Amino acid sequence: MIHPGESAYVGSTVPMEAAQKPEELREVTLHTEYHPAYKEPAELQVKELQRDERDDRQPVVRGKVANPDRETVQDVFVVTALKDKEGQLVAVIGDYLNRDIRPGDRIGFTAQDDQLPAEVTDQATQVEAHAYPLFVGEQAKK
């Protein structure tokens, strides 16, 4: 759920065969769909963020997702924004946690994307991460 004044990041990498260089890309059309939320989401916390690089210069962000809520959550998307020194968005990488996080628990994640070119992600000096559960409480038990 995104409240007025808040930001949310969604990322995906789609390899394109028609354009070989960024300057060849002429137009991108984004079609989005949304549904109203009928229940307040669980407020997960992302802690202990660490940015590393693999040998191929690809960024890897590790951290912990904590559940301070009173209900168990399940199937959590972790979305990590990579930003440059001015705070501008450079790329979005993520992880999917296919497990339960009980109240008071925290589990580790590793966000990465093998498709992003290193010359783009090299610009990133800051990271920001958010975690969004798909299922909360009774939904998580099904």
N, C-alpha and C. Protein backbone atom coordinates (compact mmCIF):
# COMPACT_ATOMS: atom_id res chain seq x y z
N MET A 1 0.85 -1.16 0.00
CA MET A 1 0.00 0.00 0.00
C MET A 1 0.90 1.23 0.00
N ILE A 2 0.64 2.16 -0.89
CA ILE A 2 1.39 3.40 -0.97
C ILE A 2 0.48 4.53 -0.54
N HIS A 3 0.87 5.21 0.52
CA HIS A 3 0.11 6.34 1.03
C HIS A 3 0.56 7.62 0.33
N PRO A 4 -0.27 8.67 0.30
CA PRO A 4 0.14 9.94 -0.32
C PRO A 4 1.47 10.42 0.26
N GLY A 5 2.36 10.83 -0.63
CA GLY A 5 3.67 11.34 -0.22
C GLY A 5 4.73 10.27 -0.07
N GLU A 6 4.37 8.99 -0.17
CA GLU A 6 5.33 7.91 -0.03
C GLU A 6 5.85 7.48 -1.40
N SER A 7 6.99 6.81 -1.39
CA SER A 7 7.57 6.26 -2.61
C SER A 7 7.59 4.75 -2.53
N ALA A 8 7.53 4.12 -3.67
CA ALA A 8 7.66 2.67 -3.75
C ALA A 8 8.47 2.35 -4.99
N TYR A 9 9.25 1.31 -4.93
CA TYR A 9 10.09 0.93 -6.05
C TYR A 9 9.69 -0.46 -6.52
N VAL A 10 9.60 -0.62 -7.81
CA VAL A 10 9.33 -1.91 -8.41
C VAL A 10 10.35 -2.09 -9.51
N GLY A 11 10.98 -3.23 -9.57
CA GLY A 11 12.01 -3.40 -10.58
C GLY A 11 11.90 -4.72 -11.29
N SER A 12 12.36 -4.69 -12.51
CA SER A 12 12.41 -5.89 -13.32
C SER A 12 13.38 -5.63 -14.45
N THR A 13 14.01 -6.66 -14.92
CA THR A 13 14.91 -6.53 -16.06
C THR A 13 14.31 -7.30 -17.21
N VAL A 14 14.18 -6.62 -18.34
CA VAL A 14 13.63 -7.25 -19.53
C VAL A 14 14.65 -7.12 -20.64
N PRO A 15 15.33 -8.21 -20.99
CA PRO A 15 16.30 -8.13 -22.08
C PRO A 15 15.60 -7.75 -23.38
N MET A 16 16.22 -6.85 -24.13
CA MET A 16 15.63 -6.39 -25.39
C MET A 16 16.59 -6.72 -26.52
N GLU A 17 16.08 -7.36 -27.54
CA GLU A 17 16.93 -7.74 -28.66
C GLU A 17 16.94 -6.69 -29.76
N ALA A 18 15.89 -5.89 -29.87
CA ALA A 18 15.82 -4.91 -30.96
C ALA A 18 16.81 -3.77 -30.77
N ALA A 19 17.01 -3.30 -29.56
CA ALA A 19 17.92 -2.19 -29.29
C ALA A 19 19.21 -2.73 -28.69
N GLN A 20 20.32 -2.42 -29.31
CA GLN A 20 21.61 -2.87 -28.81
C GLN A 20 22.27 -1.84 -27.90
N LYS A 21 21.91 -0.55 -28.07
CA LYS A 21 22.49 0.53 -27.28
C LYS A 21 21.35 1.40 -26.75
N PRO A 22 21.55 2.05 -25.61
CA PRO A 22 20.48 2.90 -25.06
C PRO A 22 19.99 3.97 -26.03
N GLU A 23 20.89 4.53 -26.83
CA GLU A 23 20.46 5.58 -27.76
C GLU A 23 19.55 5.05 -28.88
N GLU A 24 19.52 3.74 -29.08
CA GLU A 24 18.63 3.15 -30.09
C GLU A 24 17.20 2.98 -29.57
N LEU A 25 17.02 3.08 -28.27
CA LEU A 25 15.70 2.93 -27.67
C LEU A 25 14.91 4.22 -27.89
N ARG A 26 13.80 4.11 -28.56
CA ARG A 26 13.02 5.30 -28.91
C ARG A 26 11.84 5.53 -27.97
N GLU A 27 11.17 4.47 -27.55
CA GLU A 27 9.98 4.65 -26.74
C GLU A 27 9.73 3.42 -25.87
N VAL A 28 9.30 3.65 -24.66
CA VAL A 28 8.91 2.58 -23.76
C VAL A 28 7.53 2.93 -23.23
N THR A 29 6.62 1.99 -23.32
CA THR A 29 5.27 2.20 -22.81
C THR A 29 5.06 1.26 -21.63
N LEU A 30 4.62 1.82 -20.54
CA LEU A 30 4.38 1.05 -19.34
C LEU A 30 2.89 0.98 -19.07
N HIS A 31 2.38 -0.22 -18.94
CA HIS A 31 0.97 -0.43 -18.60
C HIS A 31 0.93 -0.96 -17.18
N THR A 32 0.28 -0.23 -16.29
CA THR A 32 0.21 -0.66 -14.90
C THR A 32 -1.23 -0.98 -14.52
N GLU A 33 -1.35 -1.81 -13.54
CA GLU A 33 -2.66 -2.17 -13.03
C GLU A 33 -2.57 -2.16 -11.51
N TYR A 34 -3.59 -1.71 -10.86
CA TYR A 34 -3.57 -1.70 -9.40
C TYR A 34 -4.95 -2.08 -8.88
N HIS A 35 -4.95 -2.51 -7.65
CA HIS A 35 -6.18 -2.87 -6.98
C HIS A 35 -6.19 -2.20 -5.61
N PRO A 36 -7.32 -1.74 -5.14
CA PRO A 36 -7.35 -1.11 -3.82
C PRO A 36 -7.06 -2.14 -2.73
N ALA A 37 -6.40 -1.69 -1.68
CA ALA A 37 -6.12 -2.57 -0.54
C ALA A 37 -7.33 -2.58 0.38
N TYR A 38 -7.71 -3.74 0.82
CA TYR A 38 -8.86 -3.88 1.71
C TYR A 38 -8.43 -4.08 3.16
N LYS A 39 -7.14 -4.23 3.37
CA LYS A 39 -6.61 -4.46 4.70
C LYS A 39 -5.28 -3.73 4.81
N GLU A 40 -5.03 -3.12 5.96
CA GLU A 40 -3.75 -2.46 6.18
C GLU A 40 -2.63 -3.50 6.10
N PRO A 41 -1.55 -3.18 5.41
CA PRO A 41 -0.46 -4.16 5.30
C PRO A 41 0.35 -4.26 6.58
N ALA A 42 1.08 -5.36 6.70
CA ALA A 42 2.02 -5.51 7.82
C ALA A 42 3.18 -4.56 7.57
N GLU A 43 3.65 -3.94 8.62
CA GLU A 43 4.77 -3.01 8.51
C GLU A 43 6.06 -3.75 8.80
N LEU A 44 6.72 -4.23 7.77
CA LEU A 44 7.99 -4.92 7.94
C LEU A 44 9.12 -3.90 7.98
N GLN A 45 10.21 -4.27 8.63
CA GLN A 45 11.39 -3.40 8.70
C GLN A 45 12.55 -4.08 8.01
N VAL A 46 13.35 -3.27 7.30
CA VAL A 46 14.56 -3.77 6.66
C VAL A 46 15.75 -3.18 7.41
N LYS A 47 16.64 -4.07 7.86
CA LYS A 47 17.75 -3.64 8.71
C LYS A 47 19.08 -4.20 8.21
N GLU A 48 20.15 -3.64 8.73
CA GLU A 48 21.51 -4.14 8.51
C GLU A 48 21.87 -4.25 7.03
N LEU A 49 21.54 -3.22 6.25
CA LEU A 49 21.86 -3.24 4.82
C LEU A 49 23.36 -3.15 4.58
N GLN A 50 23.86 -4.03 3.71
CA GLN A 50 25.26 -4.03 3.31
C GLN A 50 25.34 -4.19 1.81
N ARG A 51 26.04 -3.27 1.15
CA ARG A 51 26.24 -3.37 -0.30
C ARG A 51 27.61 -3.93 -0.56
N ASP A 52 27.67 -4.98 -1.37
CA ASP A 52 28.92 -5.61 -1.79
C ASP A 52 28.90 -5.72 -3.31
N GLU A 53 30.02 -6.16 -3.86
CA GLU A 53 30.09 -6.45 -5.29
C GLU A 53 30.64 -7.84 -5.48
N ARG A 54 30.11 -8.50 -6.49
CA ARG A 54 30.67 -9.80 -6.86
C ARG A 54 31.90 -9.56 -7.74
N ASP A 55 32.57 -10.62 -8.11
CA ASP A 55 33.76 -10.51 -8.96
C ASP A 55 33.46 -9.87 -10.31
N ASP A 56 32.22 -10.03 -10.80
CA ASP A 56 31.85 -9.44 -12.10
C ASP A 56 31.30 -8.02 -11.95
N ARG A 57 31.52 -7.38 -10.81
CA ARG A 57 31.13 -6.00 -10.50
C ARG A 57 29.62 -5.83 -10.30
N GLN A 58 28.87 -6.91 -10.28
CA GLN A 58 27.43 -6.81 -10.05
C GLN A 58 27.18 -6.52 -8.57
N PRO A 59 26.28 -5.57 -8.27
CA PRO A 59 26.00 -5.27 -6.87
C PRO A 59 25.16 -6.36 -6.20
N VAL A 60 25.45 -6.55 -4.94
CA VAL A 60 24.69 -7.47 -4.10
C VAL A 60 24.37 -6.71 -2.82
N VAL A 61 23.11 -6.69 -2.42
CA VAL A 61 22.73 -6.05 -1.18
C VAL A 61 22.18 -7.13 -0.25
N ARG A 62 22.75 -7.18 0.94
CA ARG A 62 22.31 -8.14 1.94
C ARG A 62 21.73 -7.37 3.12
N GLY A 63 20.80 -8.01 3.80
CA GLY A 63 20.20 -7.38 4.97
C GLY A 63 19.27 -8.34 5.67
N LYS A 64 18.49 -7.81 6.58
CA LYS A 64 17.53 -8.61 7.35
C LYS A 64 16.16 -7.96 7.25
N VAL A 65 15.13 -8.79 7.14
CA VAL A 65 13.75 -8.33 7.20
C VAL A 65 13.21 -8.73 8.57
N ALA A 66 12.73 -7.74 9.31
CA ALA A 66 12.18 -7.97 10.65
C ALA A 66 10.67 -7.77 10.62
N ASN A 67 9.97 -8.60 11.39
CA ASN A 67 8.52 -8.51 11.47
C ASN A 67 8.12 -8.05 12.88
N PRO A 68 7.91 -6.73 13.07
CA PRO A 68 7.48 -6.25 14.37
C PRO A 68 5.97 -6.34 14.56
N ASP A 69 5.27 -6.81 13.52
CA ASP A 69 3.81 -6.90 13.54
C ASP A 69 3.36 -8.01 14.48
N ARG A 70 2.06 -8.09 14.74
CA ARG A 70 1.51 -9.12 15.62
C ARG A 70 1.11 -10.39 14.88
N GLU A 71 1.21 -10.35 13.54
CA GLU A 71 0.79 -11.51 12.75
C GLU A 71 1.95 -12.03 11.90
N THR A 72 1.91 -13.32 11.63
CA THR A 72 2.89 -13.93 10.74
C THR A 72 2.67 -13.43 9.32
N VAL A 73 3.77 -13.21 8.61
CA VAL A 73 3.69 -12.84 7.20
C VAL A 73 4.37 -13.94 6.39
N GLN A 74 4.00 -14.03 5.11
CA GLN A 74 4.54 -15.08 4.25
C GLN A 74 4.75 -14.53 2.86
N ASP A 75 5.75 -15.08 2.16
CA ASP A 75 6.06 -14.70 0.78
C ASP A 75 6.32 -13.20 0.70
N VAL A 76 7.54 -12.81 0.98
CA VAL A 76 7.91 -11.40 1.10
C VAL A 76 8.77 -10.98 -0.09
N PHE A 77 8.38 -9.89 -0.74
CA PHE A 77 9.21 -9.26 -1.77
C PHE A 77 10.10 -8.23 -1.09
N VAL A 78 11.39 -8.31 -1.33
CA VAL A 78 12.32 -7.29 -0.85
C VAL A 78 12.77 -6.51 -2.08
N VAL A 79 12.54 -5.21 -2.07
CA VAL A 79 12.88 -4.35 -3.20
C VAL A 79 13.93 -3.36 -2.73
N THR A 80 15.05 -3.33 -3.43
CA THR A 80 16.18 -2.49 -3.05
C THR A 80 16.47 -1.47 -4.14
N ALA A 81 16.45 -0.20 -3.77
CA ALA A 81 16.76 0.89 -4.69
C ALA A 81 18.24 1.22 -4.59
N LEU A 82 18.93 1.22 -5.72
CA LEU A 82 20.32 1.66 -5.78
C LEU A 82 20.30 3.10 -6.27
N LYS A 83 20.94 4.00 -5.53
CA LYS A 83 20.91 5.43 -5.86
C LYS A 83 22.32 5.98 -6.01
N ASP A 84 22.45 7.01 -6.82
CA ASP A 84 23.76 7.65 -6.99
C ASP A 84 24.01 8.64 -5.86
N LYS A 85 25.13 9.36 -5.91
CA LYS A 85 25.50 10.25 -4.80
C LYS A 85 24.53 11.40 -4.61
N GLU A 86 23.74 11.75 -5.66
CA GLU A 86 22.72 12.79 -5.52
C GLU A 86 21.38 12.23 -5.05
N GLY A 87 21.31 10.93 -4.84
CA GLY A 87 20.07 10.31 -4.40
C GLY A 87 19.12 9.95 -5.53
N GLN A 88 19.60 10.01 -6.77
CA GLN A 88 18.77 9.66 -7.92
C GLN A 88 18.79 8.15 -8.13
N LEU A 89 17.64 7.61 -8.48
CA LEU A 89 17.51 6.16 -8.69
C LEU A 89 18.35 5.72 -9.89
N VAL A 90 19.17 4.70 -9.67
CA VAL A 90 20.01 4.13 -10.72
C VAL A 90 19.45 2.78 -11.19
N ALA A 91 19.04 1.96 -10.24
CA ALA A 91 18.53 0.62 -10.56
C ALA A 91 17.74 0.08 -9.37
N VAL A 92 16.95 -0.96 -9.64
CA VAL A 92 16.19 -1.64 -8.60
C VAL A 92 16.53 -3.12 -8.68
N ILE A 93 16.91 -3.69 -7.55
CA ILE A 93 17.19 -5.12 -7.47
C ILE A 93 16.36 -5.70 -6.32
N GLY A 94 16.16 -7.00 -6.33
CA GLY A 94 15.29 -7.54 -5.29
C GLY A 94 15.56 -8.98 -4.94
N ASP A 95 14.76 -9.45 -4.01
CA ASP A 95 14.80 -10.84 -3.57
C ASP A 95 13.37 -11.23 -3.20
N TYR A 96 13.09 -12.51 -3.24
CA TYR A 96 11.79 -13.05 -2.88
C TYR A 96 12.01 -14.09 -1.79
N LEU A 97 11.39 -13.88 -0.64
CA LEU A 97 11.54 -14.79 0.49
C LEU A 97 10.30 -15.67 0.57
N ASN A 98 10.42 -16.90 0.17
CA ASN A 98 9.32 -17.84 0.12
C ASN A 98 9.23 -18.61 1.43
N ARG A 99 8.90 -17.87 2.50
CA ARG A 99 8.80 -18.50 3.82
C ARG A 99 8.04 -17.58 4.76
N ASP A 100 7.74 -18.11 5.94
CA ASP A 100 7.06 -17.34 6.98
C ASP A 100 8.05 -16.49 7.75
N ILE A 101 7.59 -15.33 8.20
CA ILE A 101 8.33 -14.55 9.19
C ILE A 101 7.34 -14.31 10.32
N ARG A 102 7.58 -14.96 11.44
CA ARG A 102 6.68 -14.84 12.59
C ARG A 102 6.90 -13.52 13.32
N PRO A 103 5.93 -13.10 14.11
CA PRO A 103 6.10 -11.85 14.87
C PRO A 103 7.39 -11.89 15.70
N GLY A 104 8.17 -10.82 15.60
CA GLY A 104 9.42 -10.72 16.34
C GLY A 104 10.62 -11.35 15.67
N ASP A 105 10.39 -12.14 14.62
CA ASP A 105 11.49 -12.81 13.92
C ASP A 105 12.09 -11.90 12.85
N ARG A 106 13.30 -12.26 12.40
CA ARG A 106 13.92 -11.60 11.26
C ARG A 106 14.71 -12.63 10.48
N ILE A 107 14.71 -12.46 9.16
CA ILE A 107 15.44 -13.39 8.31
C ILE A 107 16.26 -12.59 7.30
N GLY A 108 17.31 -13.23 6.82
CA GLY A 108 18.22 -12.57 5.88
C GLY A 108 17.73 -12.64 4.45
N PHE A 109 18.22 -11.69 3.64
CA PHE A 109 17.94 -11.67 2.21
C PHE A 109 19.19 -11.26 1.45
N THR A 110 19.21 -11.60 0.16
CA THR A 110 20.27 -11.18 -0.75
C THR A 110 19.61 -10.69 -2.02
N ALA A 111 19.71 -9.40 -2.29
CA ALA A 111 19.12 -8.80 -3.49
C ALA A 111 20.19 -8.64 -4.55
N GLN A 112 19.88 -9.06 -5.79
CA GLN A 112 20.81 -8.93 -6.90
C GLN A 112 20.07 -9.10 -8.21
N ASP A 113 20.73 -8.71 -9.30
CA ASP A 113 20.15 -8.86 -10.63
C ASP A 113 21.30 -9.06 -11.61
N ASP A 114 21.39 -10.23 -12.19
CA ASP A 114 22.49 -10.57 -13.09
C ASP A 114 22.42 -9.86 -14.44
N GLN A 115 21.30 -9.25 -14.77
CA GLN A 115 21.12 -8.64 -16.09
C GLN A 115 21.57 -7.18 -16.18
N LEU A 116 21.75 -6.53 -15.05
CA LEU A 116 22.09 -5.10 -15.08
C LEU A 116 23.55 -4.90 -15.47
N PRO A 117 23.82 -3.95 -16.38
CA PRO A 117 25.22 -3.69 -16.76
C PRO A 117 25.98 -2.99 -15.63
N ALA A 118 27.21 -3.41 -15.40
CA ALA A 118 28.02 -2.86 -14.32
C ALA A 118 28.25 -1.37 -14.49
N GLU A 119 28.35 -0.87 -15.73
CA GLU A 119 28.57 0.56 -15.93
C GLU A 119 27.39 1.40 -15.42
N VAL A 120 26.22 0.79 -15.30
CA VAL A 120 25.06 1.48 -14.72
C VAL A 120 25.11 1.39 -13.19
N THR A 121 25.30 0.19 -12.68
CA THR A 121 25.25 0.00 -11.24
C THR A 121 26.48 0.55 -10.52
N ASP A 122 27.58 0.77 -11.25
CA ASP A 122 28.78 1.36 -10.64
C ASP A 122 28.50 2.75 -10.07
N GLN A 123 27.48 3.42 -10.60
CA GLN A 123 27.13 4.77 -10.15
C GLN A 123 26.48 4.76 -8.77
N ALA A 124 25.99 3.62 -8.34
CA ALA A 124 25.24 3.54 -7.08
C ALA A 124 26.17 3.63 -5.87
N THR A 125 25.87 4.58 -5.00
CA THR A 125 26.62 4.74 -3.76
C THR A 125 25.72 4.60 -2.54
N GLN A 126 24.40 4.60 -2.74
CA GLN A 126 23.44 4.52 -1.65
C GLN A 126 22.45 3.39 -1.92
N VAL A 127 21.94 2.80 -0.85
CA VAL A 127 20.90 1.77 -0.99
C VAL A 127 19.75 2.08 -0.04
N GLU A 128 18.56 1.71 -0.48
CA GLU A 128 17.35 1.84 0.33
C GLU A 128 16.52 0.60 0.03
N ALA A 129 15.98 -0.03 1.05
CA ALA A 129 15.22 -1.27 0.82
C ALA A 129 13.90 -1.26 1.58
N HIS A 130 12.92 -1.94 0.99
CA HIS A 130 11.59 -2.09 1.58
C HIS A 130 11.16 -3.54 1.39
N ALA A 131 10.32 -4.03 2.29
CA ALA A 131 9.83 -5.41 2.22
C ALA A 131 8.31 -5.41 2.25
N TYR A 132 7.72 -6.20 1.34
CA TYR A 132 6.27 -6.24 1.18
C TYR A 132 5.78 -7.69 1.24
N PRO A 133 5.00 -8.06 2.24
CA PRO A 133 4.49 -9.43 2.30
C PRO A 133 3.27 -9.61 1.40
N LEU A 134 3.16 -10.80 0.83
CA LEU A 134 1.97 -11.12 0.04
C LEU A 134 0.82 -11.58 0.93
N PHE A 135 1.15 -12.28 2.01
CA PHE A 135 0.12 -12.83 2.88
C PHE A 135 0.40 -12.46 4.32
N VAL A 136 -0.69 -12.14 5.06
CA VAL A 136 -0.59 -11.72 6.46
C VAL A 136 -1.60 -12.51 7.28
N GLY A 137 -1.19 -12.91 8.48
CA GLY A 137 -2.11 -13.55 9.42
C GLY A 137 -2.72 -14.83 8.89
N GLU A 138 -4.05 -14.90 8.90
CA GLU A 138 -4.76 -16.11 8.47
C GLU A 138 -4.46 -16.47 7.02
N GLN A 139 -4.22 -15.48 6.18
CA GLN A 139 -3.87 -15.75 4.78
C GLN A 139 -2.58 -16.54 4.70
N ALA A 140 -1.64 -16.28 5.60
CA ALA A 140 -0.33 -16.94 5.58
C ALA A 140 -0.42 -18.40 5.97
N LYS A 141 -1.48 -18.81 6.63
CA LYS A 141 -1.62 -20.19 7.09
C LYS A 141 -2.21 -21.12 6.05
N LYS A 142 -2.75 -20.55 4.98
CA LYS A 142 -3.43 -21.38 3.97
C LYS A 142 -2.46 -22.04 3.05
